[in-house]
Amino acid sequence: MSQCDGSFRCGRSGWQALELRAVEIVFTTLLVLAIVAVTWFAAYVVYRLYADQG
């Protein structure tokens, strides 16, 4: 039976877990920035469509 309780560091050394966590934070941040950029651009396009009508 495994002693692993499902925690993040289960089966990894400290440095490997820390490095994996850092990579996860970087890519999560990039994902959030991409979502913000796409949302901003969509709102800007809608704004320009309505602003140019009048």
Foldseek 3Di string as FASTA:
>chain_A
DDPDPPDQCVPHDPVVSVVVVVVVVVVVVVVVVVVVVVVVVVVVVVVVVVVVVD
